[in-house]
C-alpha atoms as a PDB file:
ATOM      1  CA  UNK A   1      64.275 152.490 195.166  1.00  0.00           C
ATOM      2  CA  UNK A   2      67.783 152.335 196.559  1.00  0.00           C
ATOM      3  CA  UNK A   3      68.494 154.559 199.564  1.00  0.00           C
ATOM      4  CA  UNK A   4      71.994 155.086 200.921  1.00  0.00           C
ATOM      5  CA  UNK A   5      71.552 155.774 204.637  1.00  0.00           C
ATOM      6  CA  UNK A   6      73.915 157.542 207.044  1.00  0.00           C
ATOM      7  CA  UNK A   7      75.381 159.729 204.332  1.00  0.00           C
ATOM      8  CA  UNK A   8      76.884 161.884 207.088  1.00  0.00           C
ATOM      9  CA  UNK A   9      79.396 159.126 207.919  1.00  0.00           C
ATOM     10  CA  UNK A  10      81.508 159.714 204.833  1.00  0.00           C
ATOM     11  CA  UNK A  11      84.670 158.303 206.415  1.00  0.00           C
ATOM     12  CA  UNK A  12      82.934 154.938 206.975  1.00  0.00           C
ATOM     13  CA  UNK A  13      81.462 154.701 203.490  1.00  0.00           C
ATOM     14  CA  UNK A  14      81.548 151.175 202.057  1.00  0.00           C
ATOM     15  CA  UNK A  15      80.073 152.069 198.618  1.00  0.00           C
ATOM     16  CA  UNK A  16      80.832 155.248 196.699  1.00  0.00           C
ATOM     17  CA  UNK A  17      77.997 157.463 195.539  1.00  0.00           C
ATOM     18  CA  UNK A  18      79.074 156.880 191.945  1.00  0.00           C
ATOM     19  CA  UNK A  19      78.956 153.091 192.345  1.00  0.00           C
ATOM     20  CA  UNK A  20      75.520 153.276 193.975  1.00  0.00           C
ATOM     21  CA  UNK A  21      74.211 155.521 191.222  1.00  0.00           C
ATOM     22  CA  UNK A  22      75.595 153.203 188.532  1.00  0.00           C
ATOM     23  CA  UNK A  23      74.024 150.160 190.223  1.00  0.00           C
ATOM     24  CA  UNK A  24      70.659 151.916 190.525  1.00  0.00           C
ATOM     25  CA  UNK A  25      70.802 152.934 186.878  1.00  0.00           C
ATOM     26  CA  UNK A  26      71.595 149.347 185.779  1.00  0.00           C
ATOM     27  CA  UNK A  27      68.661 148.083 187.828  1.00  0.00           C
ATOM     28  CA  UNK A  28      66.332 150.892 186.620  1.00  0.00           C
ATOM     29  CA  UNK A  29      65.935 151.996 190.236  1.00  0.00           C
ATOM     30  CA  UNK A  30      65.727 155.433 191.781  1.00  0.00           C
ATOM     31  CA  UNK A  31      68.709 156.297 194.033  1.00  0.00           C
ATOM     32  CA  UNK A  32      69.083 158.796 196.860  1.00  0.00           C
ATOM     33  CA  UNK A  33      71.296 159.228 199.906  1.00  0.00           C
ATOM     34  CA  UNK A  34      69.892 160.242 203.294  1.00  0.00           C
ATOM     35  CA  UNK A  35      71.125 161.300 206.711  1.00  0.00           C
ATOM     36  CA  UNK A  36      68.781 161.476 209.652  1.00  0.00           C
ATOM     37  CA  UNK A  37      71.522 163.137 211.717  1.00  0.00           C
ATOM     38  CA  UNK A  38      71.806 166.020 209.249  1.00  0.00           C
ATOM     39  CA  UNK A  39      68.101 165.871 208.267  1.00  0.00           C
ATOM     40  CA  UNK A  40      69.079 165.370 204.661  1.00  0.00           C
ATOM     41  CA  UNK A  41      66.611 163.831 202.180  1.00  0.00           C
ATOM     42  CA  UNK A  42      64.707 161.775 204.803  1.00  0.00           C
ATOM     43  CA  UNK A  43      61.343 163.335 204.031  1.00  0.00           C
ATOM     44  CA  UNK A  44      62.223 163.406 200.334  1.00  0.00           C
ATOM     45  CA  UNK A  45      62.902 159.654 200.422  1.00  0.00           C
ATOM     46  CA  UNK A  46      59.415 158.924 201.828  1.00  0.00           C
ATOM     47  CA  UNK A  47      57.832 161.329 199.350  1.00  0.00           C
ATOM     48  CA  UNK A  48      59.680 159.658 196.493  1.00  0.00           C
ATOM     49  CA  UNK A  49      58.555 156.187 197.590  1.00  0.00           C
ATOM     50  CA  UNK A  50      54.935 157.328 197.617  1.00  0.00           C
ATOM     51  CA  UNK A  51      55.350 159.046 194.246  1.00  0.00           C
ATOM     52  CA  UNK A  52      56.837 155.917 192.670  1.00  0.00           C
ATOM     53  CA  UNK A  53      54.079 153.716 194.128  1.00  0.00           C
ATOM     54  CA  UNK A  54      51.446 156.107 192.769  1.00  0.00           C
ATOM     55  CA  UNK A  55      53.059 156.023 189.294  1.00  0.00           C
ATOM     56  CA  UNK A  56      53.138 152.231 189.218  1.00  0.00           C
ATOM     57  CA  UNK A  57      49.560 151.867 190.422  1.00  0.00           C
ATOM     58  CA  UNK A  58      48.335 154.548 188.002  1.00  0.00           C
ATOM     59  CA  UNK A  59      50.132 152.898 185.088  1.00  0.00           C
ATOM     60  CA  UNK A  60      48.555 149.557 185.951  1.00  0.00           C
ATOM     61  CA  UNK A  61      45.130 151.182 186.142  1.00  0.00           C
ATOM     62  CA  UNK A  62      45.680 152.767 182.700  1.00  0.00           C
ATOM     63  CA  UNK A  63      46.894 149.451 181.272  1.00  0.00           C
ATOM     64  CA  UNK A  64      43.721 147.731 182.478  1.00  0.00           C
ATOM     65  CA  UNK A  65      41.584 150.410 180.849  1.00  0.00           C
ATOM     66  CA  UNK A  66      37.963 151.212 181.584  1.00  0.00           C
ATOM     67  CA  UNK A  67      36.802 147.623 182.094  1.00  0.00           C
ATOM     68  CA  UNK A  68      35.983 147.375 185.812  1.00  0.00           C
ATOM     69  CA  UNK A  69      35.658 143.605 185.479  1.00  0.00           C
ATOM     70  CA  UNK A  70      39.405 143.473 184.739  1.00  0.00           C
ATOM     71  CA  UNK A  71      40.328 144.957 188.114  1.00  0.00           C
ATOM     72  CA  UNK A  72      41.632 142.426 190.603  1.00  0.00           C
ATOM     73  CA  UNK A  73      39.165 141.498 193.301  1.00  0.00           C
ATOM     74  CA  UNK A  74      40.198 141.463 196.950  1.00  0.00           C
ATOM     75  CA  UNK A  75      39.121 138.976 199.541  1.00  0.00           C
ATOM     76  CA  UNK A  76      36.889 139.882 202.458  1.00  0.00           C
ATOM     77  CA  UNK A  77      38.320 138.892 205.807  1.00  0.00           C
ATOM     78  CA  UNK A  78      35.889 138.549 208.672  1.00  0.00           C
ATOM     79  CA  UNK A  79      37.529 139.821 211.865  1.00  0.00           C
ATOM     80  CA  UNK A  80      34.416 139.357 213.968  1.00  0.00           C
ATOM     81  CA  UNK A  81      31.782 141.683 215.226  1.00  0.00           C
ATOM     82  CA  UNK A  82      31.755 144.138 218.086  1.00  0.00           C
ATOM     83  CA  UNK A  83      29.963 141.508 220.190  1.00  0.00           C
ATOM     84  CA  UNK A  84      32.680 138.917 219.476  1.00  0.00           C
ATOM     85  CA  UNK A  85      35.379 141.272 220.741  1.00  0.00           C
ATOM     86  CA  UNK A  86      33.368 142.167 223.865  1.00  0.00           C
ATOM     87  CA  UNK A  87      32.921 138.483 224.733  1.00  0.00           C
ATOM     88  CA  UNK A  88      36.665 137.846 224.513  1.00  0.00           C
ATOM     89  CA  UNK A  89      37.411 140.851 226.706  1.00  0.00           C
ATOM     90  CA  UNK A  90      34.960 139.678 229.375  1.00  0.00           C
ATOM     91  CA  UNK A  91      36.519 136.209 229.656  1.00  0.00           C
ATOM     92  CA  UNK A  92      40.119 137.370 229.387  1.00  0.00           C
ATOM     93  CA  UNK A  93      43.102 135.112 228.938  1.00  0.00           C
ATOM     94  CA  UNK A  94      44.684 135.475 232.343  1.00  0.00           C
ATOM     95  CA  UNK A  95      41.804 136.097 234.744  1.00  0.00           C
ATOM     96  CA  UNK A  96      41.631 133.994 237.878  1.00  0.00           C
END
């Protein structure tokens, strides 16, 4: 996704909307311009990012099919237990 930010500063524009659209099309990327100052397309940009992520993930799930063994497996990371955290807090790093 290509997002042109600060669309309200038209007089300082370095890239024209047409050039940005053409670039996004060549790269098969979604394009949108936003302006937080004018509240233009900011929420839409986040919604579009989530929509595109959902489409990619859904397509990958469909490509894998119904074989659960084909799904990638994550790694479990042990971050300690409640007791481990309590012990660290009691000692502290800077206590005298």
